[in-house]
PDB file of N, CA and C in Angstrom:
ATOM      1  N   MET A   1      -4.724  12.808 -17.007  1.00  0.00           N
ATOM      2  CA  MET A   1      -4.150  12.167 -16.529  1.00  0.00           C
ATOM      3  C   MET A   1      -2.996  11.405 -16.684  1.00  0.00           C
ATOM      4  N   GLY A   2      -2.119  11.644 -16.985  1.00  0.00           N
ATOM      5  CA  GLY A   2      -0.573  11.838 -17.105  1.00  0.00           C
ATOM      6  C   GLY A   2      -0.660  10.529 -18.070  1.00  0.00           C
ATOM      7  N   PHE A   3       0.449  10.730 -19.162  1.00  0.00           N
ATOM      8  CA  PHE A   3       0.850   9.800 -20.505  1.00  0.00           C
ATOM      9  C   PHE A   3       1.631   8.217 -19.342  1.00  0.00           C
ATOM     10  N   PHE A   4       2.288   8.265 -17.742  1.00  0.00           N
ATOM     11  CA  PHE A   4       2.896   7.517 -17.355  1.00  0.00           C
ATOM     12  C   PHE A   4       2.171   7.290 -16.718  1.00  0.00           C
ATOM     13  N   MET A   5       0.655   7.488 -15.754  1.00  0.00           N
ATOM     14  CA  MET A   5      -0.182   7.512 -14.574  1.00  0.00           C
ATOM     15  C   MET A   5      -0.576   5.639 -15.157  1.00  0.00           C
ATOM     16  N   LYS A   6      -0.964   4.888 -14.195  1.00  0.00           N
ATOM     17  CA  LYS A   6      -1.791   3.885 -14.171  1.00  0.00           C
ATOM     18  C   LYS A   6      -3.312   3.624 -13.913  1.00  0.00           C
ATOM     19  N   LYS A   7      -3.723   3.617 -14.873  1.00  0.00           N
ATOM     20  CA  LYS A   7      -5.254   4.058 -14.664  1.00  0.00           C
ATOM     21  C   LYS A   7      -6.070   3.521 -13.341  1.00  0.00           C
ATOM     22  N   ASN A   8      -5.311   2.512 -12.929  1.00  0.00           N
ATOM     23  CA  ASN A   8      -5.727   2.018 -11.921  1.00  0.00           C
ATOM     24  C   ASN A   8      -5.457   2.863 -10.682  1.00  0.00           C
ATOM     25  N   VAL A   9      -4.084   2.901 -10.085  1.00  0.00           N
ATOM     26  CA  VAL A   9      -3.401   3.296  -9.528  1.00  0.00           C
ATOM     27  C   VAL A   9      -3.520   5.396  -9.496  1.00  0.00           C
ATOM     28  N   LYS A  10      -4.025   5.426  -7.652  1.00  0.00           N
ATOM     29  CA  LYS A  10      -3.717   7.039  -7.667  1.00  0.00           C
ATOM     30  C   LYS A  10      -2.521   7.132  -6.288  1.00  0.00           C
ATOM     31  N   ASN A  11      -2.284   8.486  -6.485  1.00  0.00           N
ATOM     32  CA  ASN A  11      -1.694   8.720  -4.731  1.00  0.00           C
ATOM     33  C   ASN A  11      -2.258   9.552  -3.592  1.00  0.00           C
ATOM     34  N   LEU A  12      -1.860   9.114  -2.606  1.00  0.00           N
ATOM     35  CA  LEU A  12      -2.749  10.348  -1.753  1.00  0.00           C
ATOM     36  C   LEU A  12      -1.340   9.979  -0.715  1.00  0.00           C
ATOM     37  N   ASN A  13      -1.401  11.626  -0.110  1.00  0.00           N
ATOM     38  CA  ASN A  13      -0.030  11.685   0.805  1.00  0.00           C
ATOM     39  C   ASN A  13      -0.361  10.742   2.001  1.00  0.00           C
ATOM     40  N   MET A  14      -0.012  10.850   3.036  1.00  0.00           N
ATOM     41  CA  MET A  14       0.589   9.944   4.415  1.00  0.00           C
ATOM     42  C   MET A  14      -1.550  10.864   5.094  1.00  0.00           C
ATOM     43  N   GLU A  15      -1.368  11.830   5.076  1.00  0.00           N
ATOM     44  CA  GLU A  15      -1.395  12.101   6.430  1.00  0.00           C
ATOM     45  C   GLU A  15      -3.469  12.109   6.288  1.00  0.00           C
ATOM     46  N   LYS A  16      -3.478  12.245   4.749  1.00  0.00           N
ATOM     47  CA  LYS A  16      -5.067  12.640   4.025  1.00  0.00           C
ATOM     48  C   LYS A  16      -4.980  10.242   3.965  1.00  0.00           C
ATOM     49  N   ALA A  17      -4.473   9.258   3.850  1.00  0.00           N
ATOM     50  CA  ALA A  17      -4.698   8.521   3.789  1.00  0.00           C
ATOM     51  C   ALA A  17      -4.955   7.791   5.710  1.00  0.00           C
ATOM     52  N   TYR A  18      -3.992   8.418   6.269  1.00  0.00           N
ATOM     53  CA  TYR A  18      -5.341   9.109   7.751  1.00  0.00           C
ATOM     54  C   TYR A  18      -6.282   8.799   7.657  1.00  0.00           C
ATOM     55  N   GLU A  19      -6.902   9.148   6.967  1.00  0.00           N
ATOM     56  CA  GLU A  19      -8.537  10.503   7.435  1.00  0.00           C
ATOM     57  C   GLU A  19      -9.799   9.051   6.983  1.00  0.00           C
ATOM     58  N   GLU A  20      -8.299   8.421   5.554  1.00  0.00           N
ATOM     59  CA  GLU A  20      -9.529   7.986   4.762  1.00  0.00           C
ATOM     60  C   GLU A  20     -10.467   6.396   6.004  1.00  0.00           C
ATOM     61  N   LEU A  21      -8.322   6.405   6.287  1.00  0.00           N
ATOM     62  CA  LEU A  21      -8.363   4.599   6.874  1.00  0.00           C
ATOM     63  C   LEU A  21      -9.436   4.652   7.950  1.00  0.00           C
ATOM     64  N   LYS A  22      -9.434   5.870   9.114  1.00  0.00           N
ATOM     65  CA  LYS A  22     -10.233   6.080   9.934  1.00  0.00           C
ATOM     66  C   LYS A  22     -11.455   5.950   9.038  1.00  0.00           C
ATOM     67  N   LYS A  23     -11.577   6.606   8.103  1.00  0.00           N
ATOM     68  CA  LYS A  23     -12.996   6.284   7.596  1.00  0.00           C
ATOM     69  C   LYS A  23     -13.267   5.361   7.049  1.00  0.00           C
ATOM     70  N   ASP A  24     -12.861   4.367   6.306  1.00  0.00           N
ATOM     71  CA  ASP A  24     -12.953   3.289   5.375  1.00  0.00           C
ATOM     72  C   ASP A  24     -12.526   1.583   6.261  1.00  0.00           C
ATOM     73  N   LYS A  25     -12.541   1.056   6.917  1.00  0.00           N
ATOM     74  CA  LYS A  25     -12.304   0.092   7.965  1.00  0.00           C
ATOM     75  C   LYS A  25     -12.097  -0.967   6.405  1.00  0.00           C
ATOM     76  N   ASP A  26     -12.717  -0.882   5.392  1.00  0.00           N
ATOM     77  CA  ASP A  26     -12.422  -2.070   4.551  1.00  0.00           C
ATOM     78  C   ASP A  26     -11.229  -1.446   4.038  1.00  0.00           C
ATOM     79  N   ILE A  27     -10.609  -1.115   3.755  1.00  0.00           N
ATOM     80  CA  ILE A  27      -9.505  -0.730   2.887  1.00  0.00           C
ATOM     81  C   ILE A  27      -8.454  -1.873   3.469  1.00  0.00           C
ATOM     82  N   VAL A  28      -7.402  -2.479   2.445  1.00  0.00           N
ATOM     83  CA  VAL A  28      -6.582  -3.230   2.694  1.00  0.00           C
ATOM     84  C   VAL A  28      -5.419  -2.763   3.239  1.00  0.00           C
ATOM     85  N   LEU A  29      -4.807  -2.970   3.444  1.00  0.00           N
ATOM     86  CA  LEU A  29      -3.537  -1.548   3.577  1.00  0.00           C
ATOM     87  C   LEU A  29      -1.990  -3.133   3.644  1.00  0.00           C
ATOM     88  N   ILE A  30      -1.769  -2.757   2.632  1.00  0.00           N
ATOM     89  CA  ILE A  30      -0.182  -3.637   2.523  1.00  0.00           C
ATOM     90  C   ILE A  30       1.082  -2.565   2.856  1.00  0.00           C
ATOM     91  N   ASP A  31       2.192  -3.651   3.558  1.00  0.00           N
ATOM     92  CA  ASP A  31       3.415  -2.773   3.785  1.00  0.00           C
ATOM     93  C   ASP A  31       4.899  -3.539   2.803  1.00  0.00           C
ATOM     94  N   VAL A  32       5.096  -3.358   1.448  1.00  0.00           N
ATOM     95  CA  VAL A  32       5.758  -4.391   1.063  1.00  0.00           C
ATOM     96  C   VAL A  32       7.169  -3.451   1.316  1.00  0.00           C
ATOM     97  N   ARG A  33       7.767  -2.992   2.481  1.00  0.00           N
ATOM     98  CA  ARG A  33       9.084  -3.472   3.305  1.00  0.00           C
ATOM     99  C   ARG A  33       9.189  -4.606   3.652  1.00  0.00           C
ATOM    100  N   ASN A  34      10.861  -4.954   3.711  1.00  0.00           N
ATOM    101  CA  ASN A  34      10.382  -6.470   4.105  1.00  0.00           C
ATOM    102  C   ASN A  34      10.210  -6.773   5.734  1.00  0.00           C
ATOM    103  N   ALA A  35      10.769  -7.987   6.305  1.00  0.00           N
ATOM    104  CA  ALA A  35       9.958  -8.400   7.537  1.00  0.00           C
ATOM    105  C   ALA A  35      10.429  -7.939   8.284  1.00  0.00           C
ATOM    106  N   ASP A  36      12.119  -7.595   7.810  1.00  0.00           N
ATOM    107  CA  ASP A  36      12.918  -6.858   9.480  1.00  0.00           C
ATOM    108  C   ASP A  36      12.139  -5.062   9.514  1.00  0.00           C
ATOM    109  N   GLU A  37      12.295  -4.509   8.530  1.00  0.00           N
ATOM    110  CA  GLU A  37      11.452  -3.068   8.653  1.00  0.00           C
ATOM    111  C   GLU A  37       9.412  -2.831   8.756  1.00  0.00           C
ATOM    112  N   TYR A  38       9.279  -4.652   8.841  1.00  0.00           N
ATOM    113  CA  TYR A  38       8.247  -4.190   9.486  1.00  0.00           C
ATOM    114  C   TYR A  38       8.133  -4.257  10.872  1.00  0.00           C
ATOM    115  N   LYS A  39       8.628  -5.810  11.060  1.00  0.00           N
ATOM    116  CA  LYS A  39       8.632  -5.943  12.694  1.00  0.00           C
ATOM    117  C   LYS A  39       9.436  -4.750  12.990  1.00  0.00           C
ATOM    118  N   GLY A  40       9.458  -3.678  13.687  1.00  0.00           N
ATOM    119  CA  GLY A  40      10.402  -2.512  14.008  1.00  0.00           C
ATOM    120  C   GLY A  40       9.335  -1.108  13.754  1.00  0.00           C
ATOM    121  N   GLY A  41       8.317  -1.310  13.648  1.00  0.00           N
ATOM    122  CA  GLY A  41       6.193  -0.918  12.797  1.00  0.00           C
ATOM    123  C   GLY A  41       6.216  -0.024  12.293  1.00  0.00           C
ATOM    124  N   HIS A  42       5.244  -0.786  11.926  1.00  0.00           N
ATOM    125  CA  HIS A  42       4.119  -1.106  10.759  1.00  0.00           C
ATOM    126  C   HIS A  42       2.697  -0.039  11.437  1.00  0.00           C
ATOM    127  N   ILE A  43       2.016   0.273  10.158  1.00  0.00           N
ATOM    128  CA  ILE A  43       0.527   1.066  10.146  1.00  0.00           C
ATOM    129  C   ILE A  43       0.012   0.100  10.674  1.00  0.00           C
ATOM    130  N   ARG A  44      -0.817  -0.083  11.828  1.00  0.00           N
ATOM    131  CA  ARG A  44      -1.518  -0.585  12.200  1.00  0.00           C
ATOM    132  C   ARG A  44      -2.291  -1.965  11.516  1.00  0.00           C
ATOM    133  N   LYS A  45      -2.812  -2.773  11.326  1.00  0.00           N
ATOM    134  CA  LYS A  45      -3.450  -3.658  11.096  1.00  0.00           C
ATOM    135  C   LYS A  45      -3.285  -3.731   9.171  1.00  0.00           C
ATOM    136  N   SER A  46      -1.867  -3.332   8.824  1.00  0.00           N
ATOM    137  CA  SER A  46      -1.304  -3.311   7.841  1.00  0.00           C
ATOM    138  C   SER A  46      -1.330  -5.051   7.351  1.00  0.00           C
ATOM    139  N   ILE A  47      -1.241  -4.901   6.553  1.00  0.00           N
ATOM    140  CA  ILE A  47      -0.283  -6.677   6.571  1.00  0.00           C
ATOM    141  C   ILE A  47       1.430  -6.416   5.317  1.00  0.00           C
ATOM    142  N   ASN A  48       2.289  -7.286   6.363  1.00  0.00           N
ATOM    143  CA  ASN A  48       3.519  -7.124   5.816  1.00  0.00           C
ATOM    144  C   ASN A  48       3.670  -8.022   3.964  1.00  0.00           C
ATOM    145  N   VAL A  49       3.282  -7.136   2.742  1.00  0.00           N
ATOM    146  CA  VAL A  49       3.833  -8.171   1.788  1.00  0.00           C
ATOM    147  C   VAL A  49       5.230  -8.165   1.581  1.00  0.00           C
ATOM    148  N   PRO A  50       6.282  -8.276   1.178  1.00  0.00           N
ATOM    149  CA  PRO A  50       7.411  -7.894   0.848  1.00  0.00           C
ATOM    150  C   PRO A  50       7.285  -7.575  -0.659  1.00  0.00           C
ATOM    151  N   LEU A  51       7.964  -6.345  -1.250  1.00  0.00           N
ATOM    152  CA  LEU A  51       7.778  -6.134  -2.896  1.00  0.00           C
ATOM    153  C   LEU A  51       8.782  -7.508  -3.115  1.00  0.00           C
ATOM    154  N   SER A  52       9.800  -8.049  -2.693  1.00  0.00           N
ATOM    155  CA  SER A  52      10.454  -9.100  -3.828  1.00  0.00           C
ATOM    156  C   SER A  52       9.125 -10.082  -3.515  1.00  0.00           C
ATOM    157  N   ASN A  53       8.061 -10.613  -3.181  1.00  0.00           N
ATOM    158  CA  ASN A  53       6.713 -11.324  -2.532  1.00  0.00           C
ATOM    159  C   ASN A  53       5.383 -11.328  -3.190  1.00  0.00           C
ATOM    160  N   ILE A  54       5.721  -9.839  -3.796  1.00  0.00           N
ATOM    161  CA  ILE A  54       3.893  -9.120  -4.247  1.00  0.00           C
ATOM    162  C   ILE A  54       3.214 -10.387  -5.251  1.00  0.00           C
ATOM    163  N   ALA A  55       3.829 -10.879  -6.169  1.00  0.00           N
ATOM    164  CA  ALA A  55       3.400 -11.576  -6.623  1.00  0.00           C
ATOM    165  C   ALA A  55       1.885 -12.440  -5.745  1.00  0.00           C
ATOM    166  N   ALA A  56       2.973 -13.231  -4.125  1.00  0.00           N
ATOM    167  CA  ALA A  56       1.660 -13.642  -3.127  1.00  0.00           C
ATOM    168  C   ALA A  56      -0.433 -13.177  -3.471  1.00  0.00           C
ATOM    169  N   LEU A  57       0.511 -11.193  -3.258  1.00  0.00           N
ATOM    170  CA  LEU A  57      -1.069 -10.718  -2.636  1.00  0.00           C
ATOM    171  C   LEU A  57      -2.170 -11.643  -3.705  1.00  0.00           C
ATOM    172  N   PRO A  58      -2.271 -12.125  -4.846  1.00  0.00           N
ATOM    173  CA  PRO A  58      -3.391 -12.799  -4.388  1.00  0.00           C
ATOM    174  C   PRO A  58      -4.407 -14.461  -4.181  1.00  0.00           C
ATOM    175  N   GLY A  59      -2.686 -14.342  -3.217  1.00  0.00           N
ATOM    176  CA  GLY A  59      -3.498 -15.576  -2.494  1.00  0.00           C
ATOM    177  C   GLY A  59      -4.001 -14.846  -1.117  1.00  0.00           C
ATOM    178  N   ILE A  60      -3.482 -14.221  -0.049  1.00  0.00           N
ATOM    179  CA  ILE A  60      -4.055 -13.055   0.111  1.00  0.00           C
ATOM    180  C   ILE A  60      -5.177 -12.587  -0.162  1.00  0.00           C
ATOM    181  N   VAL A  61      -4.767 -11.466  -0.849  1.00  0.00           N
ATOM    182  CA  VAL A  61      -6.185 -10.535  -1.141  1.00  0.00           C
ATOM    183  C   VAL A  61      -7.261 -11.306  -2.523  1.00  0.00           C
ATOM    184  N   PRO A  62      -7.874 -11.845  -2.705  1.00  0.00           N
ATOM    185  CA  PRO A  62      -8.310 -12.351  -3.688  1.00  0.00           C
ATOM    186  C   PRO A  62      -9.214 -11.523  -4.793  1.00  0.00           C
ATOM    187  N   ASP A  63      -9.314 -10.690  -3.813  1.00  0.00           N
ATOM    188  CA  ASP A  63     -10.706  -9.768  -4.777  1.00  0.00           C
ATOM    189  C   ASP A  63      -9.695  -8.132  -5.894  1.00  0.00           C
ATOM    190  N   LYS A  64      -9.564  -8.453  -6.490  1.00  0.00           N
ATOM    191  CA  LYS A  64      -8.833  -7.299  -7.590  1.00  0.00           C
ATOM    192  C   LYS A  64      -9.338  -6.071  -7.484  1.00  0.00           C
ATOM    193  N   GLU A  65     -11.166  -6.675  -6.825  1.00  0.00           N
ATOM    194  CA  GLU A  65     -11.579  -4.818  -6.573  1.00  0.00           C
ATOM    195  C   GLU A  65     -11.846  -4.226  -5.148  1.00  0.00           C
ATOM    196  N   ALA A  66     -10.983  -5.116  -4.747  1.00  0.00           N
ATOM    197  CA  ALA A  66     -11.021  -3.980  -3.391  1.00  0.00           C
ATOM    198  C   ALA A  66     -10.165  -3.139  -3.228  1.00  0.00           C
ATOM    199  N   HIS A  67     -10.624  -2.711  -1.760  1.00  0.00           N
ATOM    200  CA  HIS A  67     -10.395  -0.933  -2.036  1.00  0.00           C
ATOM    201  C   HIS A  67      -7.918  -0.760  -1.440  1.00  0.00           C
ATOM    202  N   ILE A  68      -6.887  -1.385  -2.013  1.00  0.00           N
ATOM    203  CA  ILE A  68      -6.196  -1.037  -1.433  1.00  0.00           C
ATOM    204  C   ILE A  68      -4.964  -0.123  -1.739  1.00  0.00           C
ATOM    205  N   PHE A  69      -4.618  -0.245  -0.469  1.00  0.00           N
ATOM    206  CA  PHE A  69      -3.762   1.293   0.186  1.00  0.00           C
ATOM    207  C   PHE A  69      -2.244   0.602   0.146  1.00  0.00           C
ATOM    208  N   VAL A  70      -1.442   1.159  -0.808  1.00  0.00           N
ATOM    209  CA  VAL A  70      -0.077  -0.443  -0.613  1.00  0.00           C
ATOM    210  C   VAL A  70       1.294   1.501  -0.065  1.00  0.00           C
ATOM    211  N   TYR A  71       2.040   0.443   0.684  1.00  0.00           N
ATOM    212  CA  TYR A  71       3.477   1.739   1.578  1.00  0.00           C
ATOM    213  C   TYR A  71       4.551   0.977   1.731  1.00  0.00           C
ATOM    214  N   CYS A  72       5.533   1.989   1.567  1.00  0.00           N
ATOM    215  CA  CYS A  72       6.789   0.997   2.196  1.00  0.00           C
ATOM    216  C   CYS A  72       8.130   1.602   3.197  1.00  0.00           C
ATOM    217  N   LEU A  73       9.179   2.084   2.896  1.00  0.00           N
ATOM    218  CA  LEU A  73       9.924   3.502   3.237  1.00  0.00           C
ATOM    219  C   LEU A  73       9.916   4.255   2.968  1.00  0.00           C
ATOM    220  N   SER A  74       9.496   4.830   1.978  1.00  0.00           N
ATOM    221  CA  SER A  74      10.245   6.449   0.779  1.00  0.00           C
ATOM    222  C   SER A  74       8.857   6.493   0.358  1.00  0.00           C
ATOM    223  N   GLY A  75       8.466   5.433  -0.740  1.00  0.00           N
ATOM    224  CA  GLY A  75       8.172   5.433  -1.671  1.00  0.00           C
ATOM    225  C   GLY A  75       8.085   4.719  -2.843  1.00  0.00           C
ATOM    226  N   ALA A  76       8.946   4.490  -2.976  1.00  0.00           N
ATOM    227  CA  ALA A  76       9.747   4.105  -4.110  1.00  0.00           C
ATOM    228  C   ALA A  76       9.753   2.837  -4.125  1.00  0.00           C
ATOM    229  N   ARG A  77       9.190   1.871  -3.480  1.00  0.00           N
ATOM    230  CA  ARG A  77       8.654   0.024  -3.748  1.00  0.00           C
ATOM    231  C   ARG A  77       7.459  -0.015  -3.621  1.00  0.00           C
ATOM    232  N   SER A  78       6.868   0.988  -3.452  1.00  0.00           N
ATOM    233  CA  SER A  78       5.457   1.477  -3.002  1.00  0.00           C
ATOM    234  C   SER A  78       5.057   1.500  -4.617  1.00  0.00           C
ATOM    235  N   ALA A  79       5.328   2.222  -5.070  1.00  0.00           N
ATOM    236  CA  ALA A  79       5.495   2.675  -6.311  1.00  0.00           C
ATOM    237  C   ALA A  79       5.447   0.865  -6.939  1.00  0.00           C
ATOM    238  N   ARG A  80       5.971   0.570  -7.195  1.00  0.00           N
ATOM    239  CA  ARG A  80       6.888  -0.341  -8.377  1.00  0.00           C
ATOM    240  C   ARG A  80       5.663  -2.133  -7.461  1.00  0.00           C
ATOM    241  N   ALA A  81       5.243  -1.715  -6.268  1.00  0.00           N
ATOM    242  CA  ALA A  81       3.989  -2.543  -5.872  1.00  0.00           C
ATOM    243  C   ALA A  81       3.144  -2.409  -6.632  1.00  0.00           C
ATOM    244  N   CYS A  82       2.298  -1.133  -6.682  1.00  0.00           N
ATOM    245  CA  CYS A  82       1.027  -0.356  -7.642  1.00  0.00           C
ATOM    246  C   CYS A  82       1.394  -0.546  -8.793  1.00  0.00           C
ATOM    247  N   ASP A  83       2.532  -0.377  -9.494  1.00  0.00           N
ATOM    248  CA  ASP A  83       2.455  -1.058 -10.790  1.00  0.00           C
ATOM    249  C   ASP A  83       2.375  -2.599 -12.003  1.00  0.00           C
ATOM    250  N   ALA A  84       2.496  -3.033 -10.019  1.00  0.00           N
ATOM    251  CA  ALA A  84       2.783  -5.225 -10.549  1.00  0.00           C
ATOM    252  C   ALA A  84       1.773  -4.868 -10.135  1.00  0.00           C
ATOM    253  N   LEU A  85       0.905  -4.277  -8.753  1.00  0.00           N
ATOM    254  CA  LEU A  85      -0.775  -4.520  -8.923  1.00  0.00           C
ATOM    255  C   LEU A  85      -1.619  -4.691 -10.334  1.00  0.00           C
ATOM    256  N   ASP A  86      -1.228  -3.430 -10.178  1.00  0.00           N
ATOM    257  CA  ASP A  86      -1.929  -3.300 -11.525  1.00  0.00           C
ATOM    258  C   ASP A  86      -2.684  -4.259 -12.267  1.00  0.00           C
ATOM    259  N   LYS A  87      -1.015  -4.203 -12.918  1.00  0.00           N
ATOM    260  CA  LYS A  87      -0.480  -5.168 -14.092  1.00  0.00           C
ATOM    261  C   LYS A  87      -1.227  -6.199 -14.000  1.00  0.00           C
ATOM    262  N   MET A  88      -1.163  -7.363 -12.342  1.00  0.00           N
ATOM    263  CA  MET A  88      -2.034  -8.261 -12.054  1.00  0.00           C
ATOM    264  C   MET A  88      -3.668  -7.984 -11.959  1.00  0.00           C
ATOM    265  N   GLY A  89      -4.451  -7.369 -12.095  1.00  0.00           N
ATOM    266  CA  GLY A  89      -5.762  -6.354 -12.448  1.00  0.00           C
ATOM    267  C   GLY A  89      -6.478  -6.344 -11.185  1.00  0.00           C
ATOM    268  N   TYR A  90      -5.134  -5.693 -10.426  1.00  0.00           N
ATOM    269  CA  TYR A  90      -6.137  -4.955  -9.435  1.00  0.00           C
ATOM    270  C   TYR A  90      -6.902  -3.322  -9.685  1.00  0.00           C
ATOM    271  N   LYS A  91      -7.903  -3.400  -9.478  1.00  0.00           N
ATOM    272  CA  LYS A  91      -8.978  -1.945  -9.932  1.00  0.00           C
ATOM    273  C   LYS A  91      -8.873  -0.987  -9.647  1.00  0.00           C
ATOM    274  N   ASP A  92      -8.594  -0.481  -7.250  1.00  0.00           N
ATOM    275  CA  ASP A  92      -8.563   0.064  -6.861  1.00  0.00           C
ATOM    276  C   ASP A  92      -7.392   0.442  -6.139  1.00  0.00           C
ATOM    277  N   LEU A  93      -5.791   0.736  -6.771  1.00  0.00           N
ATOM    278  CA  LEU A  93      -4.507   1.199  -5.995  1.00  0.00           C
ATOM    279  C   LEU A  93      -4.540   2.485  -5.014  1.00  0.00           C
ATOM    280  N   THR A  94      -4.131   2.564  -4.543  1.00  0.00           N
ATOM    281  CA  THR A  94      -3.501   4.419  -3.932  1.00  0.00           C
ATOM    282  C   THR A  94      -1.644   3.343  -3.230  1.00  0.00           C
ATOM    283  N   ASN A  95      -1.439   4.408  -3.579  1.00  0.00           N
ATOM    284  CA  ASN A  95       0.054   4.702  -3.261  1.00  0.00           C
ATOM    285  C   ASN A  95      -0.083   6.134  -1.745  1.00  0.00           C
ATOM    286  N   ILE A  96       0.185   5.111  -1.224  1.00  0.00           N
ATOM    287  CA  ILE A  96       0.316   6.420  -0.046  1.00  0.00           C
ATOM    288  C   ILE A  96       1.629   6.655   0.418  1.00  0.00           C
ATOM    289  N   GLY A  97       2.863   6.427   0.152  1.00  0.00           N
ATOM    290  CA  GLY A  97       4.034   6.468  -0.084  1.00  0.00           C
ATOM    291  C   GLY A  97       4.975   5.945   0.835  1.00  0.00           C
ATOM    292  N   GLY A  98       5.479   6.440   1.182  1.00  0.00           N
ATOM    293  CA  GLY A  98       6.380   6.189   2.071  1.00  0.00           C
ATOM    294  C   GLY A  98       5.713   6.456   3.929  1.00  0.00           C
ATOM    295  N   ILE A  99       6.221   5.989   5.103  1.00  0.00           N
ATOM    296  CA  ILE A  99       6.460   5.897   6.225  1.00  0.00           C
ATOM    297  C   ILE A  99       6.998   6.916   7.035  1.00  0.00           C
ATOM    298  N   MET A 100       8.022   7.116   6.662  1.00  0.00           N
ATOM    299  CA  MET A 100       8.594   7.912   6.996  1.00  0.00           C
ATOM    300  C   MET A 100       7.607   8.988   7.057  1.00  0.00           C
ATOM    301  N   SER A 101       7.256   9.238   6.727  1.00  0.00           N
ATOM    302  CA  SER A 101       5.969  10.676   6.571  1.00  0.00           C
ATOM    303  C   SER A 101       4.756  10.522   7.141  1.00  0.00           C
ATOM    304  N   TRP A 102       4.094   8.784   7.569  1.00  0.00           N
ATOM    305  CA  TRP A 102       3.442   8.631   8.863  1.00  0.00           C
ATOM    306  C   TRP A 102       4.084   9.120   9.631  1.00  0.00           C
ATOM    307  N   THR A 103       3.706  10.588  10.450  1.00  0.00           N
ATOM    308  CA  THR A 103       3.217  11.024  11.882  1.00  0.00           C
ATOM    309  C   THR A 103       2.698  10.335  13.256  1.00  0.00           C
ATOM    310  N   HIS A 104       1.316   9.150  12.963  1.00  0.00           N
ATOM    311  CA  HIS A 104       0.717   8.894  14.118  1.00  0.00           C
ATOM    312  C   HIS A 104       1.283   7.515  14.383  1.00  0.00           C
ATOM    313  N   GLU A 105       1.249   6.835  15.849  1.00  0.00           N
ATOM    314  CA  GLU A 105       1.438   6.004  15.889  1.00  0.00           C
ATOM    315  C   GLU A 105       1.657   4.669  15.494  1.00  0.00           C
ATOM    316  N   LEU A 106       2.435   3.792  15.348  1.00  0.00           N
ATOM    317  CA  LEU A 106       3.068   2.665  14.736  1.00  0.00           C
ATOM    318  C   LEU A 106       3.325   1.013  15.860  1.00  0.00           C
ATOM    319  N   GLU A 107       2.578   0.461  15.853  1.00  0.00           N
ATOM    320  CA  GLU A 107       2.614  -0.609  15.350  1.00  0.00           C
ATOM    321  C   GLU A 107       4.154  -1.095  15.662  1.00  0.00           C
ATOM    322  N   LYS A 108       4.121  -1.773  16.772  1.00  0.00           N
ATOM    323  CA  LYS A 108       5.720  -3.374  17.020  1.00  0.00           C
ATOM    324  C   LYS A 108       5.819  -4.385  17.436  1.00  0.00           C
TER     325      LYS A 108
END
């Protein structure tokens, strides 16, 4: 594990994330883009919690042990969100990067 790696944050590419989401129905999928971006198309079953509002996540997902996947447009905001969630005490975080890499159907 690198010096800058957060111990509770993993990275996974979108294709592997798609496979994991199909297998594990308990994964909580968080989209940290803004509401307009989310309305334009998002991954099915994702919850929109904009990065600017990430401090509200404990009210939405109180279980700090929940398996959480986080994504945004390109991967930068999801990395910042994972960092913030790690500091809040969440134990199982996965940054799946940007929706630009998602090759499957989007919900609108």
